[in-house]
Amino acid sequence: MQILEAELLSDSAVTSCSTTDTEAPKASYEAVRFNAMKHGILSRLVVLAHEDHGEFTDLLAALIEEHRPAGMTERHLIEELASIIWRKRRVLLAEGANINQGLKGSARNAEGVIPAAAPFEFGLSGKSTDLRDLMDMTTEEIAERQRNTRHDLEATQKASAILRRGGANAYDKALRALLPDSRDWWLQYVEEEEYTATAEGLVDFIHEHLEPLCMGMEKEARHHEAIKAQTLGEGLQAYKLEKLNRYETHLDRKFERTLAMLLKLKELRNGR
């Protein structure tokens, strides 16, 4: 308190010499404002080489405009406020970078994320799924995907039922029941001699490949919102943000103390 009062007396003497009015002329204030930006000790150190010096200058000028310092101590405290806000900006940049890195990792882990999104649902493996495609879908695209996957599953189940009933031309009827993409996939397997072009071979193909794929795609489309939430949640990696959060809290407290000191000095100066 003695230091503040001594500074008060010193700055009051300077102020009384510079003007006899209650409020300094605007031109005089502008000179003080730019002098603080030019000669500030912290300003030269707080802004790193790759950062925008002009943006910091604008921040400092806005604080000077708001608080209108009347002495060197007040100017220093305002500069301290600017430096704290600037460092909080860095914290937010670091937080965003950490989250983006986490999201990048979770987006590459479909086989871990998708089953976890609906832990009581069978058939959600995440194999052959690109989470980036799911995350980028619009509401309309999601609805269309849900319709298409249900259609695929219904066609596959219809073909499977035809084969179970058997009878004349069951193989040809089942093929016609499948959607074109599914038939093309089947014919590719036949050409590669993975299966024989018979009812028995088609039953095995549907059971081992087509049905699991259609069921998985249908469930992925149905649980889209849960999968999206799981991806974002895992990407946040909140435990990695703990140190940043503690540092941000430290800056908040420092800001509060500095602002309180500035306001107290102004009260002393005004004789309150």
Protein backbone atom coordinates (compact mmCIF):
# COMPACT_ATOMS: atom_id res chain seq x y z
CA MET A 1 0.00 0.00 0.00
CA GLN A 2 2.88 2.41 0.72
CA ILE A 3 4.29 1.72 -2.74
CA LEU A 4 0.93 2.45 -4.33
CA GLU A 5 0.55 5.67 -2.37
CA ALA A 6 4.09 6.78 -3.30
CA GLU A 7 3.34 6.08 -6.95
CA LEU A 8 0.09 7.94 -6.54
CA LEU A 9 1.85 11.06 -5.26
CA SER A 10 4.48 10.90 -7.97
CA ASP A 11 2.00 10.42 -10.81
CA SER A 12 -0.30 13.09 -9.38
CA ALA A 13 2.51 15.60 -9.53
CA VAL A 14 3.19 14.73 -13.16
CA THR A 15 -0.49 14.95 -13.98
CA SER A 16 -0.92 18.36 -12.31
CA CYS A 17 1.98 19.74 -14.31
CA SER A 18 0.61 18.49 -17.58
CA THR A 19 -2.93 19.91 -17.27
CA THR A 20 -5.10 21.91 -14.91
CA ASP A 21 -8.36 20.36 -16.11
CA THR A 22 -10.10 17.49 -14.38
CA GLU A 23 -9.68 15.32 -17.49
CA ALA A 24 -6.66 15.48 -19.77
CA PRO A 25 -7.30 16.61 -23.34
CA LYS A 26 -7.88 13.84 -25.86
CA ALA A 27 -4.65 14.64 -27.72
CA SER A 28 -2.65 14.29 -24.50
CA TYR A 29 -4.33 10.99 -23.71
CA GLU A 30 -3.58 9.63 -27.19
CA ALA A 31 0.09 10.40 -26.65
CA VAL A 32 0.08 8.46 -23.37
CA ARG A 33 -1.73 5.59 -25.06
CA PHE A 34 0.81 5.15 -27.84
CA ASN A 35 3.71 5.79 -25.48
CA ALA A 36 2.55 2.81 -23.38
CA MET A 37 2.46 0.59 -26.44
CA LYS A 38 5.85 1.74 -27.63
CA HIS A 39 7.78 1.55 -24.38
CA GLY A 40 6.01 -1.31 -22.56
CA ILE A 41 8.46 -3.84 -21.11
CA LEU A 42 6.10 -6.80 -21.31
CA SER A 43 4.90 -6.07 -24.83
CA ARG A 44 8.33 -6.78 -26.27
CA LEU A 45 8.51 -10.17 -24.57
CA VAL A 46 5.00 -11.60 -24.49
CA VAL A 47 4.43 -11.70 -28.26
CA LEU A 48 6.44 -14.45 -29.93
CA ALA A 49 8.03 -14.07 -33.35
CA HIS A 50 5.36 -16.14 -35.13
CA GLU A 51 2.46 -14.35 -33.42
CA ASP A 52 0.54 -11.30 -34.64
CA HIS A 53 2.08 -8.22 -33.01
CA GLY A 54 -0.66 -6.03 -34.46
CA GLU A 55 -3.35 -8.10 -32.76
CA PHE A 56 -1.63 -7.71 -29.40
CA THR A 57 -1.26 -3.97 -29.99
CA ASP A 58 -5.00 -3.72 -30.66
CA LEU A 59 -5.72 -5.65 -27.46
CA LEU A 60 -3.46 -3.39 -25.41
CA ALA A 61 -4.92 -0.25 -27.00
CA ALA A 62 -8.45 -1.41 -26.14
CA LEU A 63 -7.48 -1.96 -22.50
CA ILE A 64 -5.80 1.44 -22.35
CA GLU A 65 -8.91 3.01 -23.87
CA GLU A 66 -11.07 1.30 -21.24
CA HIS A 67 -8.97 2.07 -18.14
CA ARG A 68 -7.20 5.32 -19.19
CA PRO A 69 -4.06 4.99 -17.06
CA ALA A 70 -2.87 8.07 -15.22
CA GLY A 71 0.61 6.89 -14.27
CA MET A 72 3.37 4.40 -14.95
CA THR A 73 2.09 1.87 -12.41
CA GLU A 74 -1.38 1.86 -13.96
CA ARG A 75 0.11 1.50 -17.43
CA HIS A 76 2.18 -1.46 -16.25
CA LEU A 77 -0.86 -3.15 -14.70
CA ILE A 78 -2.83 -2.69 -17.92
CA GLU A 79 0.03 -4.19 -19.89
CA GLU A 80 0.02 -7.11 -17.44
CA LEU A 81 -3.70 -7.61 -18.12
CA ALA A 82 -3.02 -7.69 -21.85
CA SER A 83 -0.25 -10.26 -21.43
CA ILE A 84 -2.53 -12.51 -19.35
CA ILE A 85 -5.29 -12.39 -21.97
CA TRP A 86 -2.71 -13.12 -24.66
CA ARG A 87 -1.45 -16.19 -22.79
CA LYS A 88 -5.03 -17.39 -22.29
CA ARG A 89 -5.38 -17.21 -26.06
CA ARG A 90 -2.44 -19.60 -26.33
CA VAL A 91 -4.11 -21.98 -23.87
CA LEU A 92 -7.20 -22.15 -26.09
CA LEU A 93 -5.04 -22.75 -29.17
CA ALA A 94 -3.22 -25.56 -27.37
CA GLU A 95 -6.51 -27.05 -26.18
CA GLY A 96 -7.91 -27.05 -29.72
CA ALA A 97 -4.75 -28.64 -31.10
CA ASN A 98 -4.89 -31.41 -28.48
CA ILE A 99 -8.55 -32.11 -29.20
CA ASN A 100 -7.95 -32.21 -32.96
CA GLN A 101 -5.07 -34.65 -32.47
CA GLY A 102 -7.30 -36.86 -30.33
CA LEU A 103 -10.11 -36.75 -32.90
CA LYS A 104 -7.65 -37.74 -35.61
CA GLY A 105 -6.70 -40.80 -33.57
CA SER A 106 -10.27 -41.83 -32.75
CA ALA A 107 -11.34 -41.42 -36.40
CA ARG A 108 -8.74 -44.02 -37.34
CA ASN A 109 -10.01 -46.49 -34.75
CA ALA A 110 -13.41 -47.48 -36.15
CA GLU A 111 -13.10 -51.05 -34.84
CA GLY A 112 -12.72 -49.68 -31.31
CA VAL A 113 -15.11 -46.73 -31.44
CA ILE A 114 -18.13 -48.23 -33.22
CA PRO A 115 -18.67 -51.30 -30.97
CA ALA A 116 -18.21 -49.08 -27.90
CA ALA A 117 -20.91 -46.67 -29.13
CA ALA A 118 -23.60 -49.36 -28.70
CA PRO A 119 -22.03 -51.88 -26.31
CA PHE A 120 -25.14 -54.10 -26.05
CA GLU A 121 -25.68 -54.37 -29.82
CA PHE A 122 -24.37 -57.42 -31.65
CA GLY A 123 -22.95 -57.12 -35.16
CA LEU A 124 -21.24 -53.74 -34.84
CA SER A 125 -17.63 -54.50 -35.69
CA GLY A 126 -16.47 -51.31 -37.39
CA LYS A 127 -14.54 -53.30 -39.98
CA SER A 128 -14.19 -51.65 -43.39
CA THR A 129 -15.79 -48.46 -42.03
CA ASP A 130 -14.25 -45.03 -42.43
CA LEU A 131 -15.45 -42.93 -39.49
CA ARG A 132 -14.64 -39.75 -41.37
CA ASP A 133 -17.43 -40.58 -43.83
CA LEU A 134 -19.92 -41.10 -41.00
CA MET A 135 -18.87 -37.91 -39.20
CA ASP A 136 -19.22 -35.80 -42.36
CA MET A 137 -22.80 -36.83 -43.17
CA THR A 138 -25.66 -34.37 -43.22
CA THR A 139 -29.05 -35.14 -41.65
CA GLU A 140 -30.49 -35.90 -45.10
CA GLU A 141 -27.59 -38.21 -45.97
CA ILE A 142 -28.00 -40.07 -42.68
CA ALA A 143 -31.71 -40.64 -43.36
CA GLU A 144 -30.94 -41.85 -46.89
CA ARG A 145 -28.26 -44.20 -45.63
CA GLN A 146 -30.67 -45.66 -43.09
CA ARG A 147 -33.25 -46.31 -45.82
CA ASN A 148 -30.70 -47.87 -48.17
CA THR A 149 -29.17 -50.16 -45.55
CA ARG A 150 -32.62 -51.37 -44.47
CA HIS A 151 -33.43 -52.07 -48.13
CA ASP A 152 -30.17 -54.01 -48.57
CA LEU A 153 -30.83 -56.08 -45.46
CA GLU A 154 -34.43 -56.84 -46.45
CA ALA A 155 -33.36 -57.98 -49.93
CA THR A 156 -30.65 -60.21 -48.46
CA GLN A 157 -33.04 -61.74 -45.94
CA LYS A 158 -35.58 -62.36 -48.72
CA ALA A 159 -32.98 -64.20 -50.82
CA SER A 160 -31.94 -66.22 -47.79
CA ALA A 161 -35.57 -67.22 -47.10
CA ILE A 162 -36.01 -68.35 -50.73
CA LEU A 163 -32.97 -70.59 -50.44
CA ARG A 164 -34.18 -72.07 -47.15
CA ARG A 165 -37.52 -73.01 -48.71
CA GLY A 166 -35.76 -74.59 -51.67
CA GLY A 167 -37.72 -75.94 -54.58
CA ALA A 168 -37.34 -75.51 -58.33
CA ASN A 169 -35.26 -72.55 -59.50
CA ALA A 170 -34.56 -71.46 -55.90
CA TYR A 171 -31.05 -70.37 -56.88
CA ASP A 172 -32.25 -68.13 -59.75
CA LYS A 173 -35.08 -66.66 -57.65
CA ALA A 174 -32.68 -65.86 -54.81
CA LEU A 175 -30.28 -64.14 -57.21
CA ARG A 176 -33.10 -61.98 -58.57
CA ALA A 177 -34.08 -61.03 -55.01
CA LEU A 178 -30.61 -59.65 -54.31
CA LEU A 179 -29.77 -56.04 -55.13
CA PRO A 180 -27.49 -55.44 -58.16
CA ASP A 181 -24.41 -54.63 -56.05
CA SER A 182 -24.86 -57.82 -54.05
CA ARG A 183 -25.24 -59.91 -57.23
CA ASP A 184 -22.08 -58.35 -58.68
CA TRP A 185 -20.19 -59.17 -55.48
CA TRP A 186 -21.44 -62.77 -55.62
CA LEU A 187 -20.44 -63.20 -59.28
CA GLN A 188 -16.97 -61.88 -58.47
CA TYR A 189 -16.57 -64.59 -55.83
CA VAL A 190 -17.79 -67.21 -58.31
CA GLU A 191 -15.31 -66.03 -60.96
CA GLU A 192 -12.50 -66.26 -58.42
CA GLU A 193 -13.75 -69.77 -57.55
CA GLU A 194 -14.34 -68.89 -53.92
CA TYR A 195 -17.84 -70.37 -54.19
CA THR A 196 -19.69 -72.57 -56.68
CA ALA A 197 -22.64 -71.11 -58.58
CA THR A 198 -25.16 -73.26 -56.75
CA ALA A 199 -27.86 -72.77 -54.15
CA GLU A 200 -25.53 -74.24 -51.52
CA GLY A 201 -22.72 -71.89 -52.52
CA LEU A 202 -25.03 -68.86 -52.46
CA VAL A 203 -26.29 -69.84 -48.99
CA ASP A 204 -22.71 -69.92 -47.72
CA PHE A 205 -21.91 -66.56 -49.35
CA ILE A 206 -24.95 -64.88 -47.81
CA HIS A 207 -24.28 -66.38 -44.39
CA GLU A 208 -20.53 -65.66 -44.32
CA HIS A 209 -20.30 -62.31 -46.11
CA LEU A 210 -23.43 -60.58 -47.33
CA GLU A 211 -25.72 -60.87 -44.32
CA PRO A 212 -23.10 -59.79 -41.72
CA LEU A 213 -22.17 -56.83 -43.92
CA CYS A 214 -25.76 -55.70 -44.44
CA MET A 215 -26.62 -56.12 -40.76
CA GLY A 216 -23.52 -54.17 -39.70
CA MET A 217 -24.21 -51.32 -42.13
CA GLU A 218 -27.86 -51.14 -41.04
CA LYS A 219 -26.87 -50.95 -37.38
CA GLU A 220 -24.17 -48.36 -38.06
CA ALA A 221 -26.75 -46.19 -39.81
CA ARG A 222 -29.27 -46.70 -36.99
CA HIS A 223 -26.74 -45.85 -34.27
CA HIS A 224 -25.15 -42.98 -36.19
CA GLU A 225 -25.68 -40.37 -33.47
CA ALA A 226 -24.23 -42.65 -30.78
CA ILE A 227 -21.19 -43.42 -32.96
CA LYS A 228 -20.64 -39.71 -33.61
CA ALA A 229 -20.87 -38.92 -29.89
CA GLN A 230 -18.47 -41.76 -29.05
CA THR A 231 -15.94 -40.55 -31.63
CA LEU A 232 -16.04 -36.99 -30.32
CA GLY A 233 -15.93 -38.13 -26.70
CA GLU A 234 -12.89 -40.36 -27.19
CA GLY A 235 -11.20 -37.64 -29.23
CA LEU A 236 -11.46 -35.10 -26.42
CA GLN A 237 -9.04 -37.05 -24.19
CA ALA A 238 -9.91 -34.84 -21.23
CA TYR A 239 -7.10 -36.26 -19.09
CA LYS A 240 -4.57 -34.66 -21.44
CA LEU A 241 -6.14 -31.23 -20.91
CA GLU A 242 -5.71 -31.26 -17.13
CA LYS A 243 -2.40 -29.34 -17.12
CA LEU A 244 -3.79 -26.77 -19.54
CA ASN A 245 -6.86 -26.33 -17.34
CA ARG A 246 -4.70 -25.76 -14.27
CA TYR A 247 -2.61 -23.19 -16.13
CA GLU A 248 -5.76 -21.42 -17.34
CA THR A 249 -7.04 -21.26 -13.74
CA HIS A 250 -3.69 -19.75 -12.69
CA LEU A 251 -4.04 -17.09 -15.39
CA ASP A 252 -7.62 -16.32 -14.32
CA ARG A 253 -6.52 -15.74 -10.73
CA LYS A 254 -3.60 -13.63 -11.88
CA PHE A 255 -5.96 -11.54 -13.99
CA GLU A 256 -8.31 -11.01 -11.05
CA ARG A 257 -5.46 -9.93 -8.75
CA THR A 258 -4.00 -7.57 -11.32
CA LEU A 259 -7.35 -5.98 -12.09
CA ALA A 260 -8.10 -5.59 -8.37
CA MET A 261 -4.74 -3.87 -7.88
CA LEU A 262 -5.43 -1.50 -10.78
CA LEU A 263 -8.88 -0.58 -9.48
CA LYS A 264 -7.51 -0.05 -5.97
CA LEU A 265 -4.82 2.27 -7.28
CA LYS A 266 -7.47 4.29 -9.13
CA GLU A 267 -9.51 4.56 -5.94
CA LEU A 268 -6.48 5.87 -4.04
CA ARG A 269 -5.74 8.31 -6.80
CA ASN A 270 -9.29 9.64 -6.70
CA GLY A 271 -9.17 9.98 -2.91
CA ARG A 272 -11.91 7.43 -2.19
